[in-house]
């Protein structure tokens, strides 16, 4: 699966699976409401896709030019740390629906890991 397809799949799962079925774009409060089970199911799919993307990034780092391998793996380690923080936020959201998720972190992580893959 190419990176583009993977990112498209993540976007489709999040938008079509959660948003359009629940009047997200017409909700006047500015809040997006997703049934808890659908959120949990979508998160499970995203975790699988993230693992595939992470493996592709690791392979890209391993095949990077010799002088760039350690820098690439350093960036990947930073991404892993940020992903763990995000996972804690998401799991907190599942347990306590009133908690907040920093969606800027989500887009930042996707941008960072995609940047490692040629």
PDB file of N, CA and C in Angstrom:
ATOM      1  N   UNK A   1       0.855  -1.170   0.000  1.00  0.00           N
ATOM      2  CA  UNK A   1       0.000   0.000   0.000  1.00  0.00           C
ATOM      3  C   UNK A   1       0.900   1.233   0.000  1.00  0.00           C
ATOM      4  N   UNK A   2       0.645   2.162  -0.900  1.00  0.00           N
ATOM      5  CA  UNK A   2       1.453   3.367  -0.959  1.00  0.00           C
ATOM      6  C   UNK A   2       1.056   4.327   0.147  1.00  0.00           C
ATOM      7  N   UNK A   3       1.939   5.273   0.434  1.00  0.00           N
ATOM      8  CA  UNK A   3       1.677   6.246   1.482  1.00  0.00           C
ATOM      9  C   UNK A   3       0.432   7.058   1.160  1.00  0.00           C
ATOM     10  N   UNK A   4       0.288   7.454  -0.104  1.00  0.00           N
ATOM     11  CA  UNK A   4      -0.881   8.230  -0.500  1.00  0.00           C
ATOM     12  C   UNK A   4      -2.175   7.481  -0.241  1.00  0.00           C
ATOM     13  N   UNK A   5      -2.184   6.206  -0.571  1.00  0.00           N
ATOM     14  CA  UNK A   5      -3.387   5.392  -0.338  1.00  0.00           C
ATOM     15  C   UNK A   5      -3.673   5.263   1.152  1.00  0.00           C
ATOM     16  N   UNK A   6      -2.609   5.122   1.936  1.00  0.00           N
ATOM     17  CA  UNK A   6      -2.773   4.977   3.373  1.00  0.00           C
ATOM     18  C   UNK A   6      -3.358   6.243   3.985  1.00  0.00           C
ATOM     19  N   UNK A   7      -2.825   7.384   3.594  1.00  0.00           N
ATOM     20  CA  UNK A   7      -3.333   8.641   4.119  1.00  0.00           C
ATOM     21  C   UNK A   7      -4.774   8.855   3.671  1.00  0.00           C
ATOM     22  N   UNK A   8      -5.058   8.520   2.415  1.00  0.00           N
ATOM     23  CA  UNK A   8      -6.424   8.638   1.914  1.00  0.00           C
ATOM     24  C   UNK A   8      -7.359   7.727   2.698  1.00  0.00           C
ATOM     25  N   UNK A   9      -6.914   6.514   3.002  1.00  0.00           N
ATOM     26  CA  UNK A   9      -7.746   5.584   3.765  1.00  0.00           C
ATOM     27  C   UNK A   9      -8.044   6.134   5.159  1.00  0.00           C
ATOM     28  N   UNK A  10      -7.024   6.692   5.812  1.00  0.00           N
ATOM     29  CA  UNK A  10      -7.227   7.278   7.142  1.00  0.00           C
ATOM     30  C   UNK A  10      -8.240   8.414   7.057  1.00  0.00           C
ATOM     31  N   UNK A  11      -8.068   9.273   6.062  1.00  0.00           N
ATOM     32  CA  UNK A  11      -8.983  10.406   5.910  1.00  0.00           C
ATOM     33  C   UNK A  11     -10.409   9.929   5.655  1.00  0.00           C
ATOM     34  N   UNK A  12     -10.551   8.921   4.808  1.00  0.00           N
ATOM     35  CA  UNK A  12     -11.889   8.416   4.499  1.00  0.00           C
ATOM     36  C   UNK A  12     -12.552   7.791   5.715  1.00  0.00           C
ATOM     37  N   UNK A  13     -11.777   7.053   6.490  1.00  0.00           N
ATOM     38  CA  UNK A  13     -12.339   6.433   7.697  1.00  0.00           C
ATOM     39  C   UNK A  13     -12.824   7.508   8.657  1.00  0.00           C
ATOM     40  N   UNK A  14     -11.997   8.523   8.849  1.00  0.00           N
ATOM     41  CA  UNK A  14     -12.363   9.556   9.802  1.00  0.00           C
ATOM     42  C   UNK A  14     -13.515  10.419   9.315  1.00  0.00           C
ATOM     43  N   UNK A  15     -13.510  10.748   8.034  1.00  0.00           N
ATOM     44  CA  UNK A  15     -14.540  11.656   7.535  1.00  0.00           C
ATOM     45  C   UNK A  15     -15.835  10.926   7.222  1.00  0.00           C
ATOM     46  N   UNK A  16     -15.769   9.888   6.399  1.00  0.00           N
ATOM     47  CA  UNK A  16     -17.012   9.222   6.016  1.00  0.00           C
ATOM     48  C   UNK A  16     -17.557   8.350   7.130  1.00  0.00           C
ATOM     49  N   UNK A  17     -16.692   7.694   7.860  1.00  0.00           N
ATOM     50  CA  UNK A  17     -17.152   6.788   8.910  1.00  0.00           C
ATOM     51  C   UNK A  17     -17.747   7.501  10.094  1.00  0.00           C
ATOM     52  N   UNK A  18     -17.243   8.673  10.400  1.00  0.00           N
ATOM     53  CA  UNK A  18     -17.714   9.374  11.590  1.00  0.00           C
ATOM     54  C   UNK A  18     -18.496  10.635  11.254  1.00  0.00           C
ATOM     55  N   UNK A  19     -17.988  11.413  10.353  1.00  0.00           N
ATOM     56  CA  UNK A  19     -18.517  12.759  10.175  1.00  0.00           C
ATOM     57  C   UNK A  19     -19.825  12.813   9.401  1.00  0.00           C
ATOM     58  N   UNK A  20     -19.823  12.334   8.181  1.00  0.00           N
ATOM     59  CA  UNK A  20     -20.988  12.550   7.337  1.00  0.00           C
ATOM     60  C   UNK A  20     -22.225  11.829   7.841  1.00  0.00           C
ATOM     61  N   UNK A  21     -22.037  10.720   8.510  1.00  0.00           N
ATOM     62  CA  UNK A  21     -23.195   9.971   9.006  1.00  0.00           C
ATOM     63  C   UNK A  21     -23.855  10.661  10.193  1.00  0.00           C
ATOM     64  N   UNK A  22     -23.225  11.667  10.742  1.00  0.00           N
ATOM     65  CA  UNK A  22     -23.740  12.272  11.970  1.00  0.00           C
ATOM     66  C   UNK A  22     -23.878  13.783  11.872  1.00  0.00           C
ATOM     67  N   UNK A  23     -24.146  14.306  10.695  1.00  0.00           N
ATOM     68  CA  UNK A  23     -24.410  15.726  10.498  1.00  0.00           C
ATOM     69  C   UNK A  23     -23.322  16.621  11.064  1.00  0.00           C
ATOM     70  N   UNK A  24     -22.079  16.220  10.909  1.00  0.00           N
ATOM     71  CA  UNK A  24     -20.980  17.002  11.455  1.00  0.00           C
ATOM     72  C   UNK A  24     -20.939  18.398  10.852  1.00  0.00           C
ATOM     73  N   UNK A  25     -21.165  18.472   9.559  1.00  0.00           N
ATOM     74  CA  UNK A  25     -20.977  19.737   8.886  1.00  0.00           C
ATOM     75  C   UNK A  25     -22.150  20.690   9.074  1.00  0.00           C
ATOM     76  N   UNK A  26     -23.205  20.235   9.725  1.00  0.00           N
ATOM     77  CA  UNK A  26     -24.346  21.109   9.975  1.00  0.00           C
ATOM     78  C   UNK A  26     -24.587  21.308  11.468  1.00  0.00           C
ATOM     79  N   UNK A  27     -23.739  20.772  12.297  1.00  0.00           N
ATOM     80  CA  UNK A  27     -23.889  20.895  13.743  1.00  0.00           C
ATOM     81  C   UNK A  27     -23.588  22.342  14.151  1.00  0.00           C
ATOM     82  N   UNK A  28     -24.575  23.085  14.627  1.00  0.00           N
ATOM     83  CA  UNK A  28     -24.368  24.502  14.905  1.00  0.00           C
ATOM     84  C   UNK A  28     -23.524  24.790  16.141  1.00  0.00           C
ATOM     85  N   UNK A  29     -23.278  23.823  16.999  1.00  0.00           N
ATOM     86  CA  UNK A  29     -22.551  24.085  18.236  1.00  0.00           C
ATOM     87  C   UNK A  29     -21.047  24.132  18.031  1.00  0.00           C
ATOM     88  N   UNK A  30     -20.557  23.671  16.907  1.00  0.00           N
ATOM     89  CA  UNK A  30     -19.120  23.626  16.692  1.00  0.00           C
ATOM     90  C   UNK A  30     -18.488  22.368  17.254  1.00  0.00           C
ATOM     91  N   UNK A  31     -19.270  21.506  17.838  1.00  0.00           N
ATOM     92  CA  UNK A  31     -18.770  20.244  18.369  1.00  0.00           C
ATOM     93  C   UNK A  31     -19.124  19.116  17.421  1.00  0.00           C
ATOM     94  N   UNK A  32     -18.242  18.151  17.349  1.00  0.00           N
ATOM     95  CA  UNK A  32     -18.505  16.971  16.539  1.00  0.00           C
ATOM     96  C   UNK A  32     -18.884  15.852  17.490  1.00  0.00           C
ATOM     97  N   UNK A  33     -20.024  15.258  17.237  1.00  0.00           N
ATOM     98  CA  UNK A  33     -20.484  14.165  18.084  1.00  0.00           C
ATOM     99  C   UNK A  33     -20.413  12.873  17.290  1.00  0.00           C
ATOM    100  N   UNK A  34     -19.680  11.929  17.844  1.00  0.00           N
ATOM    101  CA  UNK A  34     -19.530  10.624  17.216  1.00  0.00           C
ATOM    102  C   UNK A  34     -19.913   9.587  18.267  1.00  0.00           C
ATOM    103  N   UNK A  35     -20.777   8.652  17.916  1.00  0.00           N
ATOM    104  CA  UNK A  35     -21.091   7.593  18.884  1.00  0.00           C
ATOM    105  C   UNK A  35     -19.804   6.900  19.365  1.00  0.00           C
ATOM    106  N   UNK A  36     -19.758   6.652  20.637  1.00  0.00           N
ATOM    107  CA  UNK A  36     -18.551   6.113  21.280  1.00  0.00           C
ATOM    108  C   UNK A  36     -18.020   4.863  20.581  1.00  0.00           C
ATOM    109  N   UNK A  37     -18.891   3.928  20.272  1.00  0.00           N
ATOM    110  CA  UNK A  37     -18.434   2.685  19.648  1.00  0.00           C
ATOM    111  C   UNK A  37     -17.840   2.944  18.267  1.00  0.00           C
ATOM    112  N   UNK A  38     -18.419   3.862  17.510  1.00  0.00           N
ATOM    113  CA  UNK A  38     -17.858   4.185  16.198  1.00  0.00           C
ATOM    114  C   UNK A  38     -16.482   4.822  16.339  1.00  0.00           C
ATOM    115  N   UNK A  39     -16.315   5.654  17.358  1.00  0.00           N
ATOM    116  CA  UNK A  39     -15.014   6.256  17.619  1.00  0.00           C
ATOM    117  C   UNK A  39     -13.988   5.174  17.948  1.00  0.00           C
ATOM    118  N   UNK A  40     -14.372   4.233  18.801  1.00  0.00           N
ATOM    119  CA  UNK A  40     -13.476   3.132  19.180  1.00  0.00           C
ATOM    120  C   UNK A  40     -13.131   2.290  17.953  1.00  0.00           C
ATOM    121  N   UNK A  41     -14.121   1.986  17.126  1.00  0.00           N
ATOM    122  CA  UNK A  41     -13.873   1.195  15.922  1.00  0.00           C
ATOM    123  C   UNK A  41     -12.952   1.932  14.950  1.00  0.00           C
ATOM    124  N   UNK A  42     -13.194   3.218  14.766  1.00  0.00           N
ATOM    125  CA  UNK A  42     -12.353   4.012  13.864  1.00  0.00           C
ATOM    126  C   UNK A  42     -10.924   4.090  14.391  1.00  0.00           C
ATOM    127  N   UNK A  43     -10.786   4.250  15.694  1.00  0.00           N
ATOM    128  CA  UNK A  43      -9.458   4.308  16.299  1.00  0.00           C
ATOM    129  C   UNK A  43      -8.706   2.993  16.086  1.00  0.00           C
ATOM    130  N   UNK A  44      -9.390   1.883  16.166  1.00  0.00           N
ATOM    131  CA  UNK A  44      -8.749   0.582  15.929  1.00  0.00           C
ATOM    132  C   UNK A  44      -8.210   0.501  14.503  1.00  0.00           C
ATOM    133  N   UNK A  45      -8.987   0.974  13.542  1.00  0.00           N
ATOM    134  CA  UNK A  45      -8.539   0.974  12.145  1.00  0.00           C
ATOM    135  C   UNK A  45      -7.346   1.903  11.977  1.00  0.00           C
ATOM    136  N   UNK A  46      -7.412   3.067  12.568  1.00  0.00           N
ATOM    137  CA  UNK A  46      -6.318   4.042  12.460  1.00  0.00           C
ATOM    138  C   UNK A  46      -5.040   3.479  13.080  1.00  0.00           C
ATOM    139  N   UNK A  47      -5.158   2.739  14.189  1.00  0.00           N
ATOM    140  CA  UNK A  47      -3.961   2.142  14.808  1.00  0.00           C
ATOM    141  C   UNK A  47      -3.287   1.153  13.858  1.00  0.00           C
ATOM    142  N   UNK A  48      -4.078   0.358  13.163  1.00  0.00           N
ATOM    143  CA  UNK A  48      -3.516  -0.602  12.202  1.00  0.00           C
ATOM    144  C   UNK A  48      -2.834   0.151  11.058  1.00  0.00           C
ATOM    145  N   UNK A  49      -3.502   1.168  10.525  1.00  0.00           N
ATOM    146  CA  UNK A  49      -2.914   1.953   9.444  1.00  0.00           C
ATOM    147  C   UNK A  49      -1.645   2.672   9.900  1.00  0.00           C
ATOM    148  N   UNK A  50      -1.659   3.170  11.128  1.00  0.00           N
ATOM    149  CA  UNK A  50      -0.476   3.846  11.673  1.00  0.00           C
ATOM    150  C   UNK A  50       0.698   2.864  11.752  1.00  0.00           C
ATOM    151  N   UNK A  51       0.442   1.641  12.200  1.00  0.00           N
ATOM    152  CA  UNK A  51       1.528   0.652  12.293  1.00  0.00           C
ATOM    153  C   UNK A  51       2.125   0.371  10.916  1.00  0.00           C
ATOM    154  N   UNK A  52       1.290   0.299   9.892  1.00  0.00           N
ATOM    155  CA  UNK A  52       1.798   0.079   8.535  1.00  0.00           C
ATOM    156  C   UNK A  52       2.632   1.265   8.074  1.00  0.00           C
ATOM    157  N   UNK A  53       2.147   2.468   8.334  1.00  0.00           N
ATOM    158  CA  UNK A  53       2.880   3.671   7.955  1.00  0.00           C
ATOM    159  C   UNK A  53       4.190   3.755   8.720  1.00  0.00           C
ATOM    160  N   UNK A  54       4.185   3.394   9.974  1.00  0.00           N
ATOM    161  CA  UNK A  54       5.387   3.405  10.817  1.00  0.00           C
ATOM    162  C   UNK A  54       6.421   2.413  10.295  1.00  0.00           C
ATOM    163  N   UNK A  55       5.962   1.231   9.884  1.00  0.00           N
ATOM    164  CA  UNK A  55       6.879   0.237   9.316  1.00  0.00           C
ATOM    165  C   UNK A  55       7.506   0.744   8.017  1.00  0.00           C
ATOM    166  N   UNK A  56       6.705   1.406   7.176  1.00  0.00           N
ATOM    167  CA  UNK A  56       7.241   1.979   5.938  1.00  0.00           C
ATOM    168  C   UNK A  56       8.293   3.042   6.241  1.00  0.00           C
ATOM    169  N   UNK A  57       8.046   3.841   7.266  1.00  0.00           N
ATOM    170  CA  UNK A  57       9.011   4.874   7.648  1.00  0.00           C
ATOM    171  C   UNK A  57      10.295   4.240   8.166  1.00  0.00           C
ATOM    172  N   UNK A  58      10.173   3.165   8.929  1.00  0.00           N
ATOM    173  CA  UNK A  58      11.366   2.480   9.446  1.00  0.00           C
ATOM    174  C   UNK A  58      12.194   1.894   8.303  1.00  0.00           C
ATOM    175  N   UNK A  59      11.523   1.311   7.322  1.00  0.00           N
ATOM    176  CA  UNK A  59      12.232   0.780   6.152  1.00  0.00           C
ATOM    177  C   UNK A  59      12.914   1.904   5.371  1.00  0.00           C
ATOM    178  N   UNK A  60      12.236   3.036   5.270  1.00  0.00           N
ATOM    179  CA  UNK A  60      12.828   4.182   4.570  1.00  0.00           C
ATOM    180  C   UNK A  60      14.062   4.679   5.308  1.00  0.00           C
ATOM    181  N   UNK A  61      14.005   4.705   6.635  1.00  0.00           N
ATOM    182  CA  UNK A  61      15.166   5.130   7.417  1.00  0.00           C
ATOM    183  C   UNK A  61      16.329   4.149   7.243  1.00  0.00           C
ATOM    184  N   UNK A  62      16.013   2.869   7.242  1.00  0.00           N
ATOM    185  CA  UNK A  62      17.062   1.853   7.091  1.00  0.00           C
ATOM    186  C   UNK A  62      17.739   1.939   5.730  1.00  0.00           C
ATOM    187  N   UNK A  63      17.020   2.383   4.715  1.00  0.00           N
ATOM    188  CA  UNK A  63      17.599   2.461   3.373  1.00  0.00           C
ATOM    189  C   UNK A  63      18.043   3.879   3.009  1.00  0.00           C
ATOM    190  N   UNK A  64      18.050   4.780   3.986  1.00  0.00           N
ATOM    191  CA  UNK A  64      18.502   6.153   3.746  1.00  0.00           C
ATOM    192  C   UNK A  64      20.003   6.154   3.453  1.00  0.00           C
ATOM    193  N   UNK A  65      20.488   7.197   2.789  1.00  0.00           N
ATOM    194  CA  UNK A  65      21.938   7.296   2.562  1.00  0.00           C
ATOM    195  C   UNK A  65      22.693   7.197   3.886  1.00  0.00           C
ATOM    196  N   UNK A  66      23.887   6.644   3.826  1.00  0.00           N
ATOM    197  CA  UNK A  66      24.625   6.280   5.032  1.00  0.00           C
ATOM    198  C   UNK A  66      24.755   7.414   6.050  1.00  0.00           C
ATOM    199  N   UNK A  67      24.958   8.609   5.635  1.00  0.00           N
ATOM    200  CA  UNK A  67      25.112   9.713   6.574  1.00  0.00           C
ATOM    201  C   UNK A  67      23.816  10.186   7.196  1.00  0.00           C
ATOM    202  N   UNK A  68      22.673   9.720   6.687  1.00  0.00           N
ATOM    203  CA  UNK A  68      21.380  10.206   7.163  1.00  0.00           C
ATOM    204  C   UNK A  68      20.598   9.187   7.974  1.00  0.00           C
ATOM    205  N   UNK A  69      21.114   7.977   8.104  1.00  0.00           N
ATOM    206  CA  UNK A  69      20.377   6.909   8.784  1.00  0.00           C
ATOM    207  C   UNK A  69      20.092   7.259  10.243  1.00  0.00           C
ATOM    208  N   UNK A  70      21.111   7.673  10.981  1.00  0.00           N
ATOM    209  CA  UNK A  70      20.891   7.940  12.406  1.00  0.00           C
ATOM    210  C   UNK A  70      19.968   9.140  12.611  1.00  0.00           C
ATOM    211  N   UNK A  71      20.068  10.151  11.769  1.00  0.00           N
ATOM    212  CA  UNK A  71      19.169  11.307  11.887  1.00  0.00           C
ATOM    213  C   UNK A  71      17.728  10.885  11.607  1.00  0.00           C
ATOM    214  N   UNK A  72      17.544  10.031  10.615  1.00  0.00           N
ATOM    215  CA  UNK A  72      16.205   9.556  10.277  1.00  0.00           C
ATOM    216  C   UNK A  72      15.613   8.756  11.441  1.00  0.00           C
ATOM    217  N   UNK A  73      16.405   7.858  12.008  1.00  0.00           N
ATOM    218  CA  UNK A  73      15.907   7.070  13.140  1.00  0.00           C
ATOM    219  C   UNK A  73      15.666   7.957  14.364  1.00  0.00           C
ATOM    220  N   UNK A  74      16.445   9.022  14.505  1.00  0.00           N
ATOM    221  CA  UNK A  74      16.204   9.980  15.589  1.00  0.00           C
ATOM    222  C   UNK A  74      14.855  10.667  15.423  1.00  0.00           C
ATOM    223  N   UNK A  75      14.545  11.062  14.182  1.00  0.00           N
ATOM    224  CA  UNK A  75      13.242  11.667  13.908  1.00  0.00           C
ATOM    225  C   UNK A  75      12.122  10.668  14.161  1.00  0.00           C
ATOM    226  N   UNK A  76      12.355   9.419  13.774  1.00  0.00           N
ATOM    227  CA  UNK A  76      11.337   8.384  13.979  1.00  0.00           C
ATOM    228  C   UNK A  76      11.096   8.150  15.468  1.00  0.00           C
ATOM    229  N   UNK A  77      12.164   8.187  16.251  1.00  0.00           N
ATOM    230  CA  UNK A  77      12.015   8.035  17.705  1.00  0.00           C
ATOM    231  C   UNK A  77      11.180   9.185  18.278  1.00  0.00           C
ATOM    232  N   UNK A  78      11.428  10.410  17.801  1.00  0.00           N
ATOM    233  CA  UNK A  78      10.647  11.560  18.245  1.00  0.00           C
ATOM    234  C   UNK A  78       9.175  11.383  17.877  1.00  0.00           C
ATOM    235  N   UNK A  79       8.926  10.902  16.669  1.00  0.00           N
ATOM    236  CA  UNK A  79       7.548  10.663  16.221  1.00  0.00           C
ATOM    237  C   UNK A  79       6.889   9.603  17.101  1.00  0.00           C
ATOM    238  N   UNK A  80       7.621   8.543  17.435  1.00  0.00           N
ATOM    239  CA  UNK A  80       7.076   7.499  18.307  1.00  0.00           C
ATOM    240  C   UNK A  80       6.658   8.074  19.661  1.00  0.00           C
ATOM    241  N   UNK A  81       7.498   8.948  20.210  1.00  0.00           N
ATOM    242  CA  UNK A  81       7.190   9.561  21.504  1.00  0.00           C
ATOM    243  C   UNK A  81       5.932  10.413  21.404  1.00  0.00           C
ATOM    244  N   UNK A  82       5.825  11.221  20.352  1.00  0.00           N
ATOM    245  CA  UNK A  82       4.641  12.056  20.154  1.00  0.00           C
ATOM    246  C   UNK A  82       3.398  11.199  19.923  1.00  0.00           C
ATOM    247  N   UNK A  83       3.561  10.080  19.221  1.00  0.00           N
ATOM    248  CA  UNK A  83       2.427   9.186  18.974  1.00  0.00           C
ATOM    249  C   UNK A  83       1.924   8.566  20.275  1.00  0.00           C
ATOM    250  N   UNK A  84       2.831   8.256  21.188  1.00  0.00           N
ATOM    251  CA  UNK A  84       2.425   7.693  22.482  1.00  0.00           C
ATOM    252  C   UNK A  84       1.621   8.705  23.284  1.00  0.00           C
ATOM    253  N   UNK A  85       2.044   9.968  23.237  1.00  0.00           N
ATOM    254  CA  UNK A  85       1.300  11.026  23.930  1.00  0.00           C
ATOM    255  C   UNK A  85      -0.097  11.152  23.342  1.00  0.00           C
ATOM    256  N   UNK A  86      -0.185  11.131  22.022  1.00  0.00           N
ATOM    257  CA  UNK A  86      -1.482  11.218  21.356  1.00  0.00           C
ATOM    258  C   UNK A  86      -2.358  10.014  21.710  1.00  0.00           C
ATOM    259  N   UNK A  87      -1.776   8.827  21.740  1.00  0.00           N
ATOM    260  CA  UNK A  87      -2.544   7.623  22.088  1.00  0.00           C
ATOM    261  C   UNK A  87      -3.138   7.749  23.488  1.00  0.00           C
ATOM    262  N   UNK A  88      -2.390   8.347  24.407  1.00  0.00           N
ATOM    263  CA  UNK A  88      -2.902   8.558  25.766  1.00  0.00           C
ATOM    264  C   UNK A  88      -4.094   9.499  25.728  1.00  0.00           C
ATOM    265  N   UNK A  89      -4.003  10.571  24.915  1.00  0.00           N
ATOM    266  CA  UNK A  89      -5.121  11.516  24.799  1.00  0.00           C
ATOM    267  C   UNK A  89      -6.360  10.822  24.225  1.00  0.00           C
ATOM    268  N   UNK A  90      -6.148  10.005  23.204  1.00  0.00           N
ATOM    269  CA  UNK A  90      -7.278   9.327  22.560  1.00  0.00           C
ATOM    270  C   UNK A  90      -7.915   8.325  23.513  1.00  0.00           C
ATOM    271  N   UNK A  91      -7.087   7.561  24.223  1.00  0.00           N
ATOM    272  CA  UNK A  91      -7.629   6.596  25.169  1.00  0.00           C
ATOM    273  C   UNK A  91      -8.347   7.293  26.322  1.00  0.00           C
ATOM    274  N   UNK A  92      -7.857   8.463  26.714  1.00  0.00           N
ATOM    275  CA  UNK A  92      -8.550   9.250  27.734  1.00  0.00           C
ATOM    276  C   UNK A  92      -9.904   9.713  27.207  1.00  0.00           C
ATOM    277  N   UNK A  93      -9.949  10.077  25.938  1.00  0.00           N
ATOM    278  CA  UNK A  93     -11.201  10.511  25.324  1.00  0.00           C
ATOM    279  C   UNK A  93     -12.220   9.367  25.326  1.00  0.00           C
ATOM    280  N   UNK A  94     -11.747   8.160  25.096  1.00  0.00           N
ATOM    281  CA  UNK A  94     -12.641   6.998  25.107  1.00  0.00           C
ATOM    282  C   UNK A  94     -13.190   6.770  26.521  1.00  0.00           C
ATOM    283  N   UNK A  95     -12.330   6.893  27.519  1.00  0.00           N
ATOM    284  CA  UNK A  95     -12.758   6.660  28.899  1.00  0.00           C
ATOM    285  C   UNK A  95     -13.556   7.828  29.470  1.00  0.00           C
ATOM    286  N   UNK A  96     -13.136   9.052  29.124  1.00  0.00           N
ATOM    287  CA  UNK A  96     -13.791  10.258  29.632  1.00  0.00           C
ATOM    288  C   UNK A  96     -14.134  11.137  28.426  1.00  0.00           C
ATOM    289  N   UNK A  97     -15.333  10.989  27.889  1.00  0.00           N
ATOM    290  CA  UNK A  97     -15.693  11.692  26.654  1.00  0.00           C
ATOM    291  C   UNK A  97     -15.526  13.210  26.698  1.00  0.00           C
ATOM    292  N   UNK A  98     -15.524  13.806  27.874  1.00  0.00           N
ATOM    293  CA  UNK A  98     -15.379  15.254  27.980  1.00  0.00           C
ATOM    294  C   UNK A  98     -13.936  15.710  27.786  1.00  0.00           C
ATOM    295  N   UNK A  99     -12.966  14.796  27.811  1.00  0.00           N
ATOM    296  CA  UNK A  99     -11.568  15.185  27.635  1.00  0.00           C
ATOM    297  C   UNK A  99     -11.343  15.655  26.199  1.00  0.00           C
ATOM    298  N   UNK A 100     -10.261  16.383  26.001  1.00  0.00           N
ATOM    299  CA  UNK A 100      -9.978  16.987  24.705  1.00  0.00           C
ATOM    300  C   UNK A 100      -8.823  16.286  24.012  1.00  0.00           C
ATOM    301  N   UNK A 101      -8.876  16.284  22.683  1.00  0.00           N
ATOM    302  CA  UNK A 101      -7.789  15.764  21.851  1.00  0.00           C
ATOM    303  C   UNK A 101      -7.232  16.935  21.065  1.00  0.00           C
ATOM    304  N   UNK A 102      -5.929  17.054  21.025  1.00  0.00           N
ATOM    305  CA  UNK A 102      -5.283  18.118  20.253  1.00  0.00           C
ATOM    306  C   UNK A 102      -5.122  17.625  18.821  1.00  0.00           C
ATOM    307  N   UNK A 103      -6.045  18.017  17.946  1.00  0.00           N
ATOM    308  CA  UNK A 103      -6.028  17.533  16.565  1.00  0.00           C
ATOM    309  C   UNK A 103      -4.847  18.083  15.781  1.00  0.00           C
ATOM    310  N   UNK A 104      -4.256  19.162  16.256  1.00  0.00           N
ATOM    311  CA  UNK A 104      -3.036  19.670  15.627  1.00  0.00           C
ATOM    312  C   UNK A 104      -1.898  18.665  15.756  1.00  0.00           C
ATOM    313  N   UNK A 105      -1.890  17.927  16.870  1.00  0.00           N
ATOM    314  CA  UNK A 105      -0.883  16.881  17.071  1.00  0.00           C
ATOM    315  C   UNK A 105      -1.075  15.777  16.030  1.00  0.00           C
ATOM    316  N   UNK A 106      -2.319  15.438  15.736  1.00  0.00           N
ATOM    317  CA  UNK A 106      -2.615  14.390  14.757  1.00  0.00           C
ATOM    318  C   UNK A 106      -2.036  14.773  13.394  1.00  0.00           C
ATOM    319  N   UNK A 107      -2.345  15.975  12.927  1.00  0.00           N
ATOM    320  CA  UNK A 107      -1.847  16.389  11.614  1.00  0.00           C
ATOM    321  C   UNK A 107      -0.334  16.543  11.625  1.00  0.00           C
ATOM    322  N   UNK A 108       0.221  17.004  12.733  1.00  0.00           N
ATOM    323  CA  UNK A 108       1.668  17.126  12.839  1.00  0.00           C
ATOM    324  C   UNK A 108       2.371  15.781  12.751  1.00  0.00           C
ATOM    325  N   UNK A 109       1.805  14.773  13.417  1.00  0.00           N
ATOM    326  CA  UNK A 109       2.391  13.429  13.366  1.00  0.00           C
ATOM    327  C   UNK A 109       2.331  12.855  11.959  1.00  0.00           C
ATOM    328  N   UNK A 110       1.185  13.003  11.301  1.00  0.00           N
ATOM    329  CA  UNK A 110       1.073  12.483   9.937  1.00  0.00           C
ATOM    330  C   UNK A 110       2.067  13.170   9.008  1.00  0.00           C
ATOM    331  N   UNK A 111       2.193  14.479   9.142  1.00  0.00           N
ATOM    332  CA  UNK A 111       3.146  15.211   8.302  1.00  0.00           C
ATOM    333  C   UNK A 111       4.575  14.759   8.572  1.00  0.00           C
ATOM    334  N   UNK A 112       4.911  14.580   9.833  1.00  0.00           N
ATOM    335  CA  UNK A 112       6.273  14.196  10.197  1.00  0.00           C
ATOM    336  C   UNK A 112       6.632  12.808   9.677  1.00  0.00           C
ATOM    337  N   UNK A 113       5.749  11.850   9.864  1.00  0.00           N
ATOM    338  CA  UNK A 113       6.088  10.487   9.450  1.00  0.00           C
ATOM    339  C   UNK A 113       6.064  10.346   7.926  1.00  0.00           C
ATOM    340  N   UNK A 114       5.156  11.040   7.276  1.00  0.00           N
ATOM    341  CA  UNK A 114       5.129  10.988   5.801  1.00  0.00           C
ATOM    342  C   UNK A 114       6.381  11.649   5.240  1.00  0.00           C
ATOM    343  N   UNK A 115       6.895  12.641   5.959  1.00  0.00           N
ATOM    344  CA  UNK A 115       8.131  13.303   5.521  1.00  0.00           C
ATOM    345  C   UNK A 115       9.339  12.390   5.532  1.00  0.00           C
ATOM    346  N   UNK A 116       9.300  11.296   6.284  1.00  0.00           N
ATOM    347  CA  UNK A 116      10.423  10.348   6.323  1.00  0.00           C
ATOM    348  C   UNK A 116      10.397   9.363   5.171  1.00  0.00           C
ATOM    349  N   UNK A 117       9.256   9.231   4.511  1.00  0.00           N
ATOM    350  CA  UNK A 117       9.110   8.229   3.459  1.00  0.00           C
ATOM    351  C   UNK A 117       9.295   8.891   2.103  1.00  0.00           C
ATOM    352  N   UNK A 118      10.278   8.398   1.327  1.00  0.00           N
ATOM    353  CA  UNK A 118      10.512   9.027   0.012  1.00  0.00           C
ATOM    354  C   UNK A 118       9.388   8.781  -0.970  1.00  0.00           C
TER     355      UNK A 118
END
